[in-house]
C-alpha cells in the first residue's frame, strides 16, 4: 500500500457572471394555492432558480437547444421563435432542462391517478411511520356526479339530491372509522397494517419533482375536460404556478398542445375528399364528428 499523500484537490476558478441574476420565484420559499377544503399545491423550487435580469426560465430551454442544434439555429432570430419551433415540432429534450418541485396534499384516490405519470421523482407521506392526519375529501351535494353513459371511467352532471345525500352519509361514516384507527394504533396495532382501515378519501401528501416536458404531458391529459374534475382542479392550479416562470413555453404549450387538434390520416382524407370517415368504428366516428363541429365543418 502506497504511503504517498493523496493528491490535493484541483481548484477550478470560475468567473462570476457579469449579468445581474434574479430569482424566478422572487425570493419566496413557496407559492401556495389551496385546493378544495383540505388540499393544496405549492411550488417550492424550480430549476433554473436564478436567471439573467429581464429573462425567465425559458432561457434554459433556448440555451439547451442552441447547444444541441449548433449552426442549425442561426436562422432563428429570437428566443421566443425558437421555443415555439421546438414545441411545434415536438423537440422535447430542451424542455427537460427546466424542472419544478411541488408540495401537494390530495385525497388518496387522486394520488393513485397521479402516480400513473411515472416520469417524476416522488416522495410520499408514509403511514408506516406516521399517523395519517384527520383530513378527508367530502364534495358538496351539487358536486356528486352520476355515471357517464358514454365514458366508462367518468361522470357527467349532478345526480338526484337524495342519492347524493346518501353517498355523502357514506363518506361521513367512513370518516368515523378514523377514531377507531387512532384507538387501535394506541392499543398497539402496527401503523403499517392499521392504515388499511382508512378510506381513499383520506388526504396524503408528497413532494413531486418533474421536468417541464413531462409536466406539459401531465397537464395536457389532466386539464382535458374528460379528466376527473378533482384532478383537473390540481392541474389548473399547477399550470398557474409555472406560467410566470416559463411564460414563453407555456404560451407555446397552449397554442400547439392544449388548444390544438390532432388529425388522423383518415380524417385528413375525409376533409380532402368530402366523403364520410372511412371506418366502421363508432367511437372513431364520434370523435371525428366532435372535431368537425369544433372546426365548423
Protein backbone atom coordinates (compact mmCIF):
# COMPACT_ATOMS: atom_id res chain seq x y z
CA UNK A 1 0.00 0.00 0.00
CA UNK A 2 1.49 3.36 -1.00
CA UNK A 3 2.37 5.91 1.68
CA UNK A 4 2.15 8.74 -0.83
CA UNK A 5 -0.21 11.51 0.28
CA UNK A 6 -3.50 11.85 -1.51
CA UNK A 7 -3.48 14.29 -4.37
CA UNK A 8 -4.67 17.73 -3.42
CA UNK A 9 -7.99 18.73 -4.94
CA UNK A 10 -7.76 20.82 -8.05
CA UNK A 11 -9.46 24.18 -7.63
CA UNK A 12 -11.13 25.45 -10.77
CA UNK A 13 -11.50 29.19 -10.87
CA UNK A 14 -14.92 30.18 -12.10
CA UNK A 15 -15.64 33.59 -13.48
CA UNK A 16 -18.55 35.40 -11.92
CA UNK A 17 -21.45 36.27 -14.20
CA UNK A 18 -21.38 39.84 -15.41
CA UNK A 19 -25.17 39.98 -15.78
CA UNK A 20 -27.28 40.56 -12.69
CA UNK A 21 -29.21 37.42 -11.77
CA UNK A 22 -32.77 37.41 -10.46
CA UNK A 23 -34.82 34.77 -8.62
CA UNK A 24 -37.61 33.19 -10.71
CA UNK A 25 -39.70 32.87 -7.53
CA UNK A 26 -39.00 36.46 -6.44
CA UNK A 27 -37.28 35.34 -3.26
CA UNK A 28 -40.27 33.35 -1.98
CA UNK A 29 -39.81 29.95 -0.31
CA UNK A 30 -43.09 28.66 -1.76
CA UNK A 31 -46.08 29.71 -3.83
CA UNK A 32 -49.22 28.02 -2.49
CA UNK A 33 -52.72 27.53 -3.95
CA UNK A 34 -55.43 25.92 -1.76
CA UNK A 35 -57.47 23.14 -3.41
CA UNK A 36 -60.87 22.07 -2.06
CA UNK A 37 -61.27 22.09 1.73
CA UNK A 38 -58.02 20.45 2.86
CA UNK A 39 -55.82 20.17 -0.22
CA UNK A 40 -53.17 22.41 -1.71
CA UNK A 41 -50.43 22.56 -4.32
CA UNK A 42 -47.32 24.57 -3.57
CA UNK A 43 -44.36 25.34 -5.78
CA UNK A 44 -41.30 25.03 -3.54
CA UNK A 45 -38.43 25.20 -6.04
CA UNK A 46 -37.55 25.38 -9.70
CA UNK A 47 -34.53 24.98 -11.95
CA UNK A 48 -33.15 27.30 -13.10
CA UNK A 49 -33.91 29.32 -9.99
CA UNK A 50 -31.63 32.21 -10.98
CA UNK A 51 -31.86 33.75 -14.46
CA UNK A 52 -30.34 36.86 -16.05
CA UNK A 53 -32.16 40.12 -15.38
CA UNK A 54 -35.05 40.52 -17.81
CA UNK A 55 -35.27 36.81 -18.65
CA UNK A 56 -37.31 33.84 -17.46
CA UNK A 57 -36.60 30.13 -17.09
CA UNK A 58 -37.33 29.87 -20.82
CA UNK A 59 -33.68 30.85 -21.29
CA UNK A 60 -32.62 27.36 -20.15
CA UNK A 61 -34.69 25.85 -22.97
CA UNK A 62 -33.07 28.14 -25.53
CA UNK A 63 -29.58 27.52 -24.14
CA UNK A 64 -30.03 23.75 -24.39
CA UNK A 65 -31.47 23.93 -27.90
CA UNK A 66 -28.66 26.08 -29.24
CA UNK A 67 -26.07 23.65 -27.87
CA UNK A 68 -27.92 20.71 -29.46
CA UNK A 69 -28.59 22.23 -32.85
CA UNK A 70 -25.49 24.40 -33.17
CA UNK A 71 -25.34 26.05 -36.57
CA UNK A 72 -28.87 24.93 -37.30
CA UNK A 73 -30.39 27.55 -35.02
CA UNK A 74 -28.77 30.61 -36.56
CA UNK A 75 -31.79 31.28 -38.74
CA UNK A 76 -33.96 31.68 -35.64
CA UNK A 77 -33.96 35.38 -34.92
CA UNK A 78 -35.39 35.35 -31.42
CA UNK A 79 -35.66 33.10 -28.39
CA UNK A 80 -39.46 33.07 -28.42
CA UNK A 81 -39.48 31.86 -32.01
CA UNK A 82 -37.08 29.06 -31.13
CA UNK A 83 -39.14 27.88 -28.16
CA UNK A 84 -42.28 27.85 -30.28
CA UNK A 85 -40.46 25.99 -33.06
CA UNK A 86 -39.32 23.33 -30.58
CA UNK A 87 -42.84 22.84 -29.24
CA UNK A 88 -44.41 22.84 -32.69
CA UNK A 89 -42.03 20.18 -33.98
CA UNK A 90 -42.04 18.01 -30.83
CA UNK A 91 -38.39 18.58 -29.93
CA UNK A 92 -38.88 17.70 -26.28
CA UNK A 93 -35.36 17.42 -24.82
CA UNK A 94 -34.73 21.18 -24.34
CA UNK A 95 -37.90 21.43 -22.23
CA UNK A 96 -36.42 18.83 -19.88
CA UNK A 97 -33.83 21.44 -18.84
CA UNK A 98 -36.47 23.21 -16.72
CA UNK A 99 -37.69 21.47 -13.57
CA UNK A 100 -40.26 22.20 -10.87
CA UNK A 101 -40.69 20.78 -7.38
CA UNK A 102 -44.13 20.82 -5.76
CA UNK A 103 -45.50 20.01 -2.32
CA UNK A 104 -49.02 18.62 -2.76
CA UNK A 105 -51.81 17.44 -0.46
CA UNK A 106 -54.62 15.49 -2.12
CA UNK A 107 -57.06 12.63 -1.45
CA UNK A 108 -55.53 9.19 -1.92
CA UNK A 109 -57.91 8.42 -4.81
CA UNK A 110 -56.43 11.39 -6.69
CA UNK A 111 -52.88 10.38 -5.76
CA UNK A 112 -53.47 6.94 -7.27
CA UNK A 113 -54.38 8.56 -10.61
CA UNK A 114 -51.48 10.98 -10.38
CA UNK A 115 -48.83 8.35 -9.73
CA UNK A 116 -49.61 6.73 -13.09
CA UNK A 117 -47.48 9.52 -14.57
CA UNK A 118 -44.21 7.68 -13.98
CA UNK A 119 -41.88 10.48 -15.10
CA UNK A 120 -41.41 12.35 -11.81
CA UNK A 121 -39.42 11.94 -8.61
CA UNK A 122 -41.91 11.38 -5.78
CA UNK A 123 -41.60 11.08 -2.01
CA UNK A 124 -44.92 10.49 -0.23
CA UNK A 125 -46.05 10.81 3.38
CA UNK A 126 -45.64 7.37 4.97
CA UNK A 127 -48.44 5.88 7.05
CA UNK A 128 -45.98 3.20 8.16
CA UNK A 129 -44.00 5.79 10.10
CA UNK A 130 -46.67 8.35 10.98
CA UNK A 131 -50.35 8.61 11.82
CA UNK A 132 -52.46 9.84 8.92
CA UNK A 133 -53.90 13.32 9.57
CA UNK A 134 -57.63 13.71 10.22
CA UNK A 135 -58.46 15.15 6.78
CA UNK A 136 -60.99 13.72 4.34
CA UNK A 137 -62.35 14.76 0.96
CA UNK A 138 -66.08 15.49 1.05
CA UNK A 139 -67.65 17.14 -2.01
CA UNK A 140 -70.71 19.38 -1.96
CA UNK A 141 -74.10 17.85 -2.79
CA UNK A 142 -74.03 19.58 -6.18
CA UNK A 143 -70.65 18.01 -6.96
CA UNK A 144 -71.84 14.40 -6.65
CA UNK A 145 -71.97 13.24 -10.26
CA UNK A 146 -73.82 10.40 -11.93
CA UNK A 147 -72.02 7.80 -14.04
CA UNK A 148 -71.50 8.81 -17.66
CA UNK A 149 -73.25 6.61 -20.22
CA UNK A 150 -70.65 7.35 -22.88
CA UNK A 151 -67.49 7.25 -20.74
CA UNK A 152 -66.99 4.20 -18.52
CA UNK A 153 -64.39 5.91 -16.37
CA UNK A 154 -66.11 9.27 -15.89
CA UNK A 155 -69.12 11.07 -14.51
CA UNK A 156 -71.40 13.69 -16.00
CA UNK A 157 -73.93 16.05 -14.48
CA UNK A 158 -75.30 16.04 -10.93
CA UNK A 159 -77.19 13.04 -9.59
CA UNK A 160 -80.53 13.43 -7.76
CA UNK A 161 -80.22 15.05 -4.33
CA UNK A 162 -81.49 12.01 -2.41
CA UNK A 163 -78.82 9.72 -3.82
CA UNK A 164 -76.21 12.44 -3.36
CA UNK A 165 -77.11 12.80 0.34
CA UNK A 166 -76.91 9.03 0.80
CA UNK A 167 -73.45 8.98 -0.77
CA UNK A 168 -72.25 11.82 1.45
CA UNK A 169 -73.52 10.00 4.53
CA UNK A 170 -71.45 7.01 3.43
CA UNK A 171 -68.41 9.29 3.33
CA UNK A 172 -69.25 10.59 6.81
CA UNK A 173 -69.48 7.01 8.07
CA UNK A 174 -66.06 6.34 6.56
CA UNK A 175 -64.66 9.32 8.47
CA UNK A 176 -65.99 7.83 11.70
CA UNK A 177 -63.52 4.97 11.22
CA UNK A 178 -60.69 7.41 11.83
CA UNK A 179 -61.07 7.48 15.62
CA UNK A 180 -61.18 3.68 15.70
CA UNK A 181 -57.98 3.70 13.62
CA UNK A 182 -56.37 6.01 16.20
CA UNK A 183 -57.60 3.86 19.10
CA UNK A 184 -56.24 0.66 17.58
CA UNK A 185 -52.81 2.17 16.91
CA UNK A 186 -52.72 3.36 20.52
CA UNK A 187 -53.51 -0.21 21.60
CA UNK A 188 -50.53 -1.46 19.64
CA UNK A 189 -51.74 -2.36 16.15
CA UNK A 190 -48.89 -1.64 13.74
CA UNK A 191 -49.38 1.56 11.77
CA UNK A 192 -48.43 -0.22 8.54
CA UNK A 193 -51.44 -2.52 8.99
CA UNK A 194 -53.86 -0.12 10.70
CA UNK A 195 -53.78 2.19 7.67
CA UNK A 196 -55.65 -0.49 5.71
CA UNK A 197 -58.84 0.55 7.57
CA UNK A 198 -58.73 4.10 6.17
CA UNK A 199 -60.77 5.06 3.07
CA UNK A 200 -59.25 6.52 -0.09
CA UNK A 201 -60.92 9.85 0.76
CA UNK A 202 -58.20 10.47 3.38
CA UNK A 203 -55.55 13.01 2.37
CA UNK A 204 -51.95 12.15 1.66
CA UNK A 205 -49.04 14.45 0.82
CA UNK A 206 -45.97 14.21 -1.34
CA UNK A 207 -43.14 16.11 -2.94
CA UNK A 208 -43.31 15.80 -6.73
CA UNK A 209 -40.40 16.95 -8.93
CA UNK A 210 -40.68 16.82 -12.69
CA UNK A 211 -39.21 18.42 -15.81
CA UNK A 212 -41.25 20.79 -17.93
CA UNK A 213 -41.66 18.42 -20.89
CA UNK A 214 -43.32 15.77 -18.73
CA UNK A 215 -45.30 18.37 -16.78
CA UNK A 216 -46.79 19.52 -20.09
CA UNK A 217 -47.74 15.91 -20.85
CA UNK A 218 -49.38 15.64 -17.42
CA UNK A 219 -51.24 18.91 -17.91
CA UNK A 220 -52.43 18.05 -21.42
CA UNK A 221 -54.12 14.94 -20.01
CA UNK A 222 -55.31 16.26 -16.66
CA UNK A 223 -56.56 19.67 -17.83
CA UNK A 224 -58.59 17.94 -20.53
CA UNK A 225 -62.38 18.13 -19.95
CA UNK A 226 -62.51 14.31 -19.93
CA UNK A 227 -60.25 14.11 -16.86
CA UNK A 228 -61.79 13.74 -13.41
CA UNK A 229 -62.87 17.16 -12.16
CA UNK A 230 -60.97 16.89 -8.89
CA UNK A 231 -57.61 16.29 -10.59
CA UNK A 232 -58.41 19.00 -13.13
CA UNK A 233 -58.50 21.42 -10.20
CA UNK A 234 -54.95 20.45 -9.23
CA UNK A 235 -53.69 20.55 -12.82
CA UNK A 236 -55.08 24.04 -13.43
CA UNK A 237 -53.51 25.28 -10.20
CA UNK A 238 -50.16 23.73 -11.17
CA UNK A 239 -50.31 25.49 -14.52
CA UNK A 240 -50.95 28.85 -12.84
CA UNK A 241 -47.85 28.32 -10.70
CA UNK A 242 -45.48 27.57 -13.60
CA UNK A 243 -46.76 30.16 -16.11
CA UNK A 244 -44.91 33.14 -14.59
CA UNK A 245 -41.64 31.16 -14.55
CA UNK A 246 -41.69 29.82 -18.14
CA UNK A 247 -44.26 32.05 -19.88
CA UNK A 248 -42.96 31.57 -23.44
CA UNK A 249 -43.00 27.77 -23.17
CA UNK A 250 -46.47 27.89 -21.62
CA UNK A 251 -47.74 30.09 -24.44
CA UNK A 252 -46.39 27.59 -26.97
CA UNK A 253 -47.95 24.72 -24.99
CA UNK A 254 -51.36 26.39 -25.17
CA UNK A 255 -51.09 27.10 -28.88
CA UNK A 256 -49.63 23.78 -30.05
CA UNK A 257 -50.80 21.25 -27.44
CA UNK A 258 -53.58 22.34 -25.12
CA UNK A 259 -55.80 24.08 -27.66
CA UNK A 260 -54.64 22.21 -30.76
CA UNK A 261 -56.14 19.25 -32.54
CA UNK A 262 -54.61 16.05 -33.93
CA UNK A 263 -55.98 14.81 -37.24
CA UNK A 264 -55.58 11.19 -38.28
CA UNK A 265 -54.82 10.06 -41.81
CA UNK A 266 -58.46 9.00 -42.23
CA UNK A 267 -59.68 12.41 -41.07
CA UNK A 268 -57.36 14.27 -43.42
CA UNK A 269 -58.63 12.15 -46.32
CA UNK A 270 -62.24 12.85 -45.29
CA UNK A 271 -61.55 16.60 -45.39
CA UNK A 272 -59.79 16.32 -48.73
CA UNK A 273 -62.48 14.19 -50.39
CA UNK A 274 -65.58 15.44 -48.59
CA UNK A 275 -66.58 11.79 -48.06
CA UNK A 276 -67.57 10.23 -44.71
CA UNK A 277 -64.83 8.90 -42.49
CA UNK A 278 -63.66 5.53 -43.87
CA UNK A 279 -64.23 3.50 -40.72
CA UNK A 280 -66.95 1.45 -39.04
CA UNK A 281 -65.61 2.19 -35.56
CA UNK A 282 -68.37 4.11 -33.72
CA UNK A 283 -66.04 5.79 -31.25
CA UNK A 284 -63.69 6.99 -34.00
CA UNK A 285 -66.67 8.34 -35.94
CA UNK A 286 -67.96 10.16 -32.85
CA UNK A 287 -64.53 11.70 -32.28
CA UNK A 288 -64.45 12.87 -35.90
CA UNK A 289 -67.91 14.40 -35.55
CA UNK A 290 -66.70 16.33 -32.49
CA UNK A 291 -63.64 17.59 -34.37
CA UNK A 292 -65.78 18.66 -37.33
CA UNK A 293 -68.05 20.61 -35.00
CA UNK A 294 -65.06 22.32 -33.43
CA UNK A 295 -63.68 23.18 -36.89
CA UNK A 296 -67.06 24.40 -38.15
CA UNK A 297 -67.14 21.84 -40.95
